[in-house]
Amino acid sequence: MKILLAEDDFASRKFMYKYLSRYGDCDITVNGIEALEAFQMGLAEGDPYQLICLDVMMPEMDGYQALYEIRKIEMEKGIKEDKAVKIIMTTALNEEKNVKKAFDLNCTAYSGKPIDTEKFALLLKKIGLIT
């Protein structure tokens, strides 16, 4: 599986990279702009990501905006929902309004921080990325 991690916090980035690398090749970005560029490069090269983990609070472009832009590109390119990248929002913002906003923007799932690796593995199974 090809995975993209967008996380600006060094400790969280290091933890998530180590964790996600067990499931496939993991690329790292530190803000939404880099995440969007990496997503577009993957599409252009014919090697798209299967999973993107987006932190909500990032500099330059936050996770919500990156999610919106990614879904917009998929729509423009005619990528059907069943072929769209799975996007998990990872954040400490667990209030209902934040979760609702992410799902309104068509995230696949929402995972609160700190990340519980057992729950996250169950989430990956639930969305069909691991068995």
N, C-alpha and C. Protein backbone atom coordinates (compact mmCIF):
# COMPACT_ATOMS: atom_id res chain seq x y z
N MET A 1 0.85 -1.18 0.00
CA MET A 1 0.00 0.00 0.00
C MET A 1 0.89 1.24 0.00
N LYS A 2 0.49 2.24 -0.76
CA LYS A 2 1.20 3.51 -0.81
C LYS A 2 0.47 4.49 0.09
N ILE A 3 1.20 5.06 1.06
CA ILE A 3 0.61 5.89 2.11
C ILE A 3 1.26 7.27 2.12
N LEU A 4 0.44 8.29 2.34
CA LEU A 4 0.94 9.65 2.52
C LEU A 4 0.54 10.13 3.91
N LEU A 5 1.51 10.63 4.64
CA LEU A 5 1.28 11.18 5.97
C LEU A 5 1.53 12.68 5.92
N ALA A 6 0.54 13.47 6.31
CA ALA A 6 0.69 14.92 6.39
C ALA A 6 0.56 15.31 7.85
N GLU A 7 1.68 15.68 8.45
CA GLU A 7 1.73 15.95 9.89
C GLU A 7 2.84 16.96 10.16
N ASP A 8 2.50 18.08 10.81
CA ASP A 8 3.52 19.10 11.05
C ASP A 8 4.28 18.91 12.36
N ASP A 9 3.74 18.17 13.30
CA ASP A 9 4.40 17.96 14.58
C ASP A 9 5.42 16.83 14.47
N PHE A 10 6.68 17.12 14.81
CA PHE A 10 7.76 16.16 14.62
C PHE A 10 7.52 14.84 15.36
N ALA A 11 7.14 14.92 16.63
CA ALA A 11 6.95 13.69 17.41
C ALA A 11 5.81 12.85 16.84
N SER A 12 4.70 13.49 16.50
CA SER A 12 3.57 12.77 15.91
C SER A 12 3.96 12.18 14.56
N ARG A 13 4.70 12.96 13.77
CA ARG A 13 5.13 12.51 12.45
C ARG A 13 6.02 11.28 12.57
N LYS A 14 6.96 11.31 13.49
CA LYS A 14 7.89 10.18 13.68
C LYS A 14 7.12 8.93 14.13
N PHE A 15 6.22 9.10 15.09
CA PHE A 15 5.41 7.98 15.59
C PHE A 15 4.56 7.38 14.48
N MET A 16 3.83 8.24 13.76
CA MET A 16 2.93 7.75 12.71
C MET A 16 3.71 7.12 11.56
N TYR A 17 4.85 7.69 11.21
CA TYR A 17 5.66 7.12 10.13
C TYR A 17 6.10 5.70 10.49
N LYS A 18 6.59 5.54 11.70
CA LYS A 18 7.03 4.21 12.16
C LYS A 18 5.86 3.24 12.15
N TYR A 19 4.71 3.69 12.63
CA TYR A 19 3.53 2.83 12.69
C TYR A 19 3.02 2.48 11.29
N LEU A 20 2.83 3.47 10.44
CA LEU A 20 2.25 3.24 9.11
C LEU A 20 3.17 2.47 8.18
N SER A 21 4.48 2.58 8.38
CA SER A 21 5.43 1.90 7.51
C SER A 21 5.28 0.39 7.53
N ARG A 22 4.69 -0.15 8.56
CA ARG A 22 4.47 -1.61 8.61
C ARG A 22 3.42 -2.04 7.58
N TYR A 23 2.61 -1.08 7.10
CA TYR A 23 1.54 -1.40 6.16
C TYR A 23 1.90 -1.08 4.70
N GLY A 24 3.03 -0.43 4.49
CA GLY A 24 3.41 -0.10 3.11
C GLY A 24 4.43 1.02 3.06
N ASP A 25 4.64 1.53 1.85
CA ASP A 25 5.58 2.64 1.64
C ASP A 25 4.91 3.93 2.08
N CYS A 26 5.57 4.64 2.97
CA CYS A 26 4.99 5.83 3.57
C CYS A 26 5.82 7.07 3.22
N ASP A 27 5.18 8.03 2.56
CA ASP A 27 5.79 9.33 2.28
C ASP A 27 5.30 10.32 3.32
N ILE A 28 6.13 11.35 3.59
CA ILE A 28 5.81 12.32 4.62
C ILE A 28 5.77 13.73 4.04
N THR A 29 4.77 14.50 4.45
CA THR A 29 4.70 15.92 4.17
C THR A 29 4.41 16.64 5.49
N VAL A 30 4.71 17.94 5.53
CA VAL A 30 4.55 18.67 6.79
C VAL A 30 3.43 19.71 6.77
N ASN A 31 2.75 19.83 5.63
CA ASN A 31 1.62 20.75 5.57
C ASN A 31 0.69 20.33 4.43
N GLY A 32 -0.45 20.99 4.34
CA GLY A 32 -1.44 20.64 3.34
C GLY A 32 -0.99 20.90 1.92
N ILE A 33 -0.19 21.93 1.71
CA ILE A 33 0.29 22.23 0.36
C ILE A 33 1.16 21.09 -0.15
N GLU A 34 2.09 20.64 0.69
CA GLU A 34 2.96 19.51 0.29
C GLU A 34 2.13 18.24 0.08
N ALA A 35 1.13 18.02 0.92
CA ALA A 35 0.27 16.84 0.77
C ALA A 35 -0.46 16.88 -0.56
N LEU A 36 -0.98 18.03 -0.92
CA LEU A 36 -1.69 18.19 -2.18
C LEU A 36 -0.74 17.95 -3.36
N GLU A 37 0.47 18.49 -3.28
CA GLU A 37 1.46 18.29 -4.34
C GLU A 37 1.83 16.81 -4.48
N ALA A 38 2.03 16.14 -3.35
CA ALA A 38 2.37 14.72 -3.38
C ALA A 38 1.23 13.89 -3.98
N PHE A 39 0.00 14.22 -3.59
CA PHE A 39 -1.17 13.54 -4.14
C PHE A 39 -1.22 13.70 -5.65
N GLN A 40 -1.03 14.94 -6.14
CA GLN A 40 -1.07 15.21 -7.58
C GLN A 40 0.06 14.49 -8.32
N MET A 41 1.25 14.45 -7.72
CA MET A 41 2.37 13.75 -8.34
C MET A 41 2.07 12.26 -8.48
N GLY A 42 1.50 11.66 -7.43
CA GLY A 42 1.15 10.26 -7.48
C GLY A 42 0.17 9.95 -8.60
N LEU A 43 -0.84 10.81 -8.75
CA LEU A 43 -1.81 10.64 -9.84
C LEU A 43 -1.13 10.78 -11.20
N ALA A 44 -0.31 11.81 -11.35
CA ALA A 44 0.35 12.08 -12.63
C ALA A 44 1.27 10.93 -13.04
N GLU A 45 1.90 10.31 -12.06
CA GLU A 45 2.83 9.21 -12.33
C GLU A 45 2.13 7.87 -12.47
N GLY A 46 0.82 7.85 -12.30
CA GLY A 46 0.07 6.60 -12.39
C GLY A 46 0.29 5.69 -11.19
N ASP A 47 0.72 6.29 -10.08
CA ASP A 47 1.00 5.53 -8.86
C ASP A 47 0.34 6.26 -7.68
N PRO A 48 -0.99 6.26 -7.65
CA PRO A 48 -1.69 7.04 -6.62
C PRO A 48 -1.58 6.43 -5.22
N TYR A 49 -1.81 7.27 -4.24
CA TYR A 49 -1.85 6.81 -2.85
C TYR A 49 -3.15 6.05 -2.59
N GLN A 50 -3.06 5.03 -1.76
CA GLN A 50 -4.26 4.32 -1.31
C GLN A 50 -4.79 4.90 0.00
N LEU A 51 -3.87 5.50 0.79
CA LEU A 51 -4.23 6.07 2.09
C LEU A 51 -3.51 7.39 2.28
N ILE A 52 -4.27 8.39 2.74
CA ILE A 52 -3.67 9.65 3.17
C ILE A 52 -4.15 9.91 4.58
N CYS A 53 -3.20 10.15 5.48
CA CYS A 53 -3.52 10.56 6.86
C CYS A 53 -3.23 12.05 6.95
N LEU A 54 -4.27 12.83 7.20
CA LEU A 54 -4.16 14.29 7.24
C LEU A 54 -4.38 14.81 8.65
N ASP A 55 -3.37 15.50 9.16
CA ASP A 55 -3.56 16.25 10.40
C ASP A 55 -4.47 17.43 10.06
N VAL A 56 -5.31 17.84 10.97
CA VAL A 56 -6.19 18.97 10.70
C VAL A 56 -5.43 20.29 10.85
N MET A 57 -4.71 20.44 11.95
CA MET A 57 -4.04 21.72 12.22
C MET A 57 -2.61 21.69 11.68
N MET A 58 -2.43 22.28 10.50
CA MET A 58 -1.11 22.38 9.89
C MET A 58 -0.93 23.80 9.35
N PRO A 59 0.32 24.24 9.24
CA PRO A 59 0.56 25.58 8.68
C PRO A 59 0.33 25.62 7.17
N GLU A 60 0.17 26.80 6.65
CA GLU A 60 0.04 27.10 5.23
C GLU A 60 -1.28 26.63 4.62
N MET A 61 -1.60 25.35 4.77
CA MET A 61 -2.90 24.82 4.34
C MET A 61 -3.27 23.73 5.34
N ASP A 62 -4.43 23.90 5.99
CA ASP A 62 -4.81 22.90 6.99
C ASP A 62 -5.37 21.63 6.34
N GLY A 63 -5.62 20.64 7.15
CA GLY A 63 -6.10 19.36 6.66
C GLY A 63 -7.47 19.43 5.99
N TYR A 64 -8.34 20.30 6.49
CA TYR A 64 -9.66 20.44 5.87
C TYR A 64 -9.52 20.94 4.43
N GLN A 65 -8.70 21.97 4.26
CA GLN A 65 -8.52 22.54 2.92
C GLN A 65 -7.86 21.53 1.99
N ALA A 66 -6.87 20.79 2.50
CA ALA A 66 -6.21 19.76 1.68
C ALA A 66 -7.22 18.68 1.28
N LEU A 67 -8.05 18.27 2.22
CA LEU A 67 -9.09 17.27 1.94
C LEU A 67 -10.03 17.78 0.84
N TYR A 68 -10.47 19.01 0.98
CA TYR A 68 -11.36 19.61 -0.01
C TYR A 68 -10.71 19.61 -1.40
N GLU A 69 -9.45 20.03 -1.47
CA GLU A 69 -8.74 20.12 -2.76
C GLU A 69 -8.52 18.74 -3.38
N ILE A 70 -8.19 17.76 -2.56
CA ILE A 70 -7.98 16.40 -3.07
C ILE A 70 -9.27 15.85 -3.66
N ARG A 71 -10.37 16.00 -2.93
CA ARG A 71 -11.66 15.50 -3.43
C ARG A 71 -12.09 16.25 -4.69
N LYS A 72 -11.79 17.54 -4.76
CA LYS A 72 -12.11 18.34 -5.94
C LYS A 72 -11.34 17.81 -7.16
N ILE A 73 -10.06 17.51 -6.99
CA ILE A 73 -9.24 16.98 -8.08
C ILE A 73 -9.78 15.63 -8.53
N GLU A 74 -10.13 14.77 -7.57
CA GLU A 74 -10.68 13.46 -7.93
C GLU A 74 -11.96 13.62 -8.75
N MET A 75 -12.81 14.56 -8.35
CA MET A 75 -14.05 14.79 -9.07
C MET A 75 -13.76 15.29 -10.49
N GLU A 76 -12.84 16.25 -10.61
CA GLU A 76 -12.48 16.80 -11.91
C GLU A 76 -11.90 15.73 -12.84
N LYS A 77 -11.18 14.78 -12.28
CA LYS A 77 -10.56 13.72 -13.08
C LYS A 77 -11.49 12.53 -13.30
N GLY A 78 -12.70 12.61 -12.74
CA GLY A 78 -13.66 11.54 -12.93
C GLY A 78 -13.35 10.28 -12.15
N ILE A 79 -12.61 10.42 -11.06
CA ILE A 79 -12.29 9.26 -10.21
C ILE A 79 -13.53 8.92 -9.39
N LYS A 80 -14.01 7.73 -9.58
CA LYS A 80 -15.23 7.29 -8.89
C LYS A 80 -14.95 7.08 -7.40
N GLU A 81 -16.00 7.19 -6.61
CA GLU A 81 -15.87 7.11 -5.15
C GLU A 81 -15.18 5.83 -4.69
N ASP A 82 -15.47 4.71 -5.34
CA ASP A 82 -14.86 3.44 -4.93
C ASP A 82 -13.38 3.36 -5.28
N LYS A 83 -12.90 4.26 -6.14
CA LYS A 83 -11.48 4.30 -6.53
C LYS A 83 -10.75 5.47 -5.88
N ALA A 84 -11.48 6.30 -5.14
CA ALA A 84 -10.89 7.48 -4.49
C ALA A 84 -9.96 7.04 -3.37
N VAL A 85 -8.98 7.89 -3.09
CA VAL A 85 -8.05 7.61 -2.00
C VAL A 85 -8.81 7.63 -0.67
N LYS A 86 -8.44 6.73 0.23
CA LYS A 86 -9.00 6.73 1.58
C LYS A 86 -8.26 7.81 2.37
N ILE A 87 -9.02 8.69 3.00
CA ILE A 87 -8.42 9.78 3.76
C ILE A 87 -8.90 9.71 5.20
N ILE A 88 -7.94 9.57 6.11
CA ILE A 88 -8.23 9.57 7.54
C ILE A 88 -7.71 10.87 8.13
N MET A 89 -8.61 11.62 8.74
CA MET A 89 -8.21 12.84 9.44
C MET A 89 -7.68 12.44 10.81
N THR A 90 -6.49 12.91 11.14
CA THR A 90 -5.89 12.59 12.44
C THR A 90 -5.70 13.91 13.19
N THR A 91 -6.35 14.03 14.34
CA THR A 91 -6.32 15.30 15.03
C THR A 91 -6.70 15.18 16.50
N ALA A 92 -6.28 16.17 17.26
CA ALA A 92 -6.70 16.27 18.66
C ALA A 92 -8.05 16.99 18.77
N LEU A 93 -8.54 17.53 17.66
CA LEU A 93 -9.82 18.24 17.65
C LEU A 93 -10.95 17.22 17.52
N ASN A 94 -11.45 16.78 18.65
CA ASN A 94 -12.46 15.72 18.64
C ASN A 94 -13.88 16.21 18.89
N GLU A 95 -14.07 17.53 18.89
CA GLU A 95 -15.41 18.05 19.09
C GLU A 95 -16.29 17.67 17.90
N GLU A 96 -17.58 17.52 18.15
CA GLU A 96 -18.52 17.08 17.12
C GLU A 96 -18.47 17.96 15.86
N LYS A 97 -18.35 19.29 16.04
CA LYS A 97 -18.34 20.18 14.87
C LYS A 97 -17.14 19.90 13.96
N ASN A 98 -15.99 19.55 14.55
CA ASN A 98 -14.80 19.25 13.75
C ASN A 98 -14.97 17.94 12.99
N VAL A 99 -15.52 16.95 13.67
CA VAL A 99 -15.74 15.64 13.04
C VAL A 99 -16.75 15.80 11.90
N LYS A 100 -17.83 16.53 12.16
CA LYS A 100 -18.85 16.75 11.13
C LYS A 100 -18.27 17.46 9.92
N LYS A 101 -17.46 18.48 10.15
CA LYS A 101 -16.85 19.22 9.05
C LYS A 101 -16.01 18.29 8.17
N ALA A 102 -15.23 17.42 8.80
CA ALA A 102 -14.39 16.49 8.04
C ALA A 102 -15.23 15.55 7.18
N PHE A 103 -16.30 15.02 7.76
CA PHE A 103 -17.16 14.11 7.00
C PHE A 103 -17.96 14.85 5.92
N ASP A 104 -18.32 16.11 6.19
CA ASP A 104 -18.99 16.92 5.17
C ASP A 104 -18.07 17.13 3.96
N LEU A 105 -16.76 17.14 4.19
CA LEU A 105 -15.77 17.29 3.11
C LEU A 105 -15.36 15.94 2.52
N ASN A 106 -16.05 14.88 2.94
CA ASN A 106 -15.85 13.53 2.40
C ASN A 106 -14.57 12.83 2.84
N CYS A 107 -14.20 12.99 4.10
CA CYS A 107 -13.12 12.15 4.60
C CYS A 107 -13.67 10.72 4.72
N THR A 108 -12.77 9.77 4.75
CA THR A 108 -13.18 8.37 4.89
C THR A 108 -13.41 8.02 6.35
N ALA A 109 -12.54 8.57 7.21
CA ALA A 109 -12.61 8.26 8.64
C ALA A 109 -11.94 9.38 9.42
N TYR A 110 -12.13 9.36 10.72
CA TYR A 110 -11.63 10.40 11.62
C TYR A 110 -11.02 9.70 12.83
N SER A 111 -9.78 10.02 13.14
CA SER A 111 -9.12 9.37 14.27
C SER A 111 -8.54 10.42 15.21
N GLY A 112 -8.98 10.38 16.45
CA GLY A 112 -8.49 11.33 17.43
C GLY A 112 -7.07 11.01 17.89
N LYS A 113 -6.38 12.07 18.32
CA LYS A 113 -5.04 11.91 18.89
C LYS A 113 -5.16 12.00 20.40
N PRO A 114 -4.29 11.35 21.13
CA PRO A 114 -3.20 10.52 20.62
C PRO A 114 -3.73 9.27 19.94
N ILE A 115 -3.03 8.82 18.91
CA ILE A 115 -3.45 7.66 18.13
C ILE A 115 -3.31 6.39 18.97
N ASP A 116 -4.38 5.64 19.03
CA ASP A 116 -4.38 4.33 19.66
C ASP A 116 -4.14 3.33 18.52
N THR A 117 -2.98 2.68 18.51
CA THR A 117 -2.61 1.84 17.37
C THR A 117 -3.54 0.65 17.18
N GLU A 118 -4.08 0.11 18.24
CA GLU A 118 -5.02 -1.01 18.09
C GLU A 118 -6.32 -0.54 17.42
N LYS A 119 -6.83 0.60 17.86
CA LYS A 119 -8.05 1.15 17.25
C LYS A 119 -7.79 1.57 15.81
N PHE A 120 -6.59 2.11 15.56
CA PHE A 120 -6.27 2.55 14.21
C PHE A 120 -6.18 1.35 13.26
N ALA A 121 -5.63 0.25 13.73
CA ALA A 121 -5.57 -0.98 12.91
C ALA A 121 -6.99 -1.47 12.60
N LEU A 122 -7.87 -1.40 13.58
CA LEU A 122 -9.27 -1.79 13.34
C LEU A 122 -9.93 -0.87 12.31
N LEU A 123 -9.59 0.41 12.38
CA LEU A 123 -10.11 1.38 11.43
C LEU A 123 -9.62 1.05 10.01
N LEU A 124 -8.34 0.71 9.88
CA LEU A 124 -7.80 0.35 8.57
C LEU A 124 -8.49 -0.90 8.01
N LYS A 125 -8.82 -1.84 8.90
CA LYS A 125 -9.57 -3.03 8.47
C LYS A 125 -10.97 -2.64 8.03
N LYS A 126 -11.62 -1.80 8.83
CA LYS A 126 -13.00 -1.38 8.56
C LYS A 126 -13.13 -0.71 7.20
N ILE A 127 -12.13 0.08 6.80
CA ILE A 127 -12.21 0.79 5.51
C ILE A 127 -11.58 -0.02 4.38
N GLY A 128 -11.21 -1.27 4.68
CA GLY A 128 -10.78 -2.19 3.64
C GLY A 128 -9.34 -2.08 3.17
N LEU A 129 -8.48 -1.49 3.99
CA LEU A 129 -7.09 -1.34 3.56
C LEU A 129 -6.18 -2.47 4.04
N ILE A 130 -6.57 -3.12 5.12
CA ILE A 130 -5.81 -4.29 5.60
C ILE A 130 -6.79 -5.40 5.94
N THR A 131 -6.28 -6.60 6.02
CA THR A 131 -7.15 -7.73 6.36
C THR A 131 -6.90 -8.23 7.77
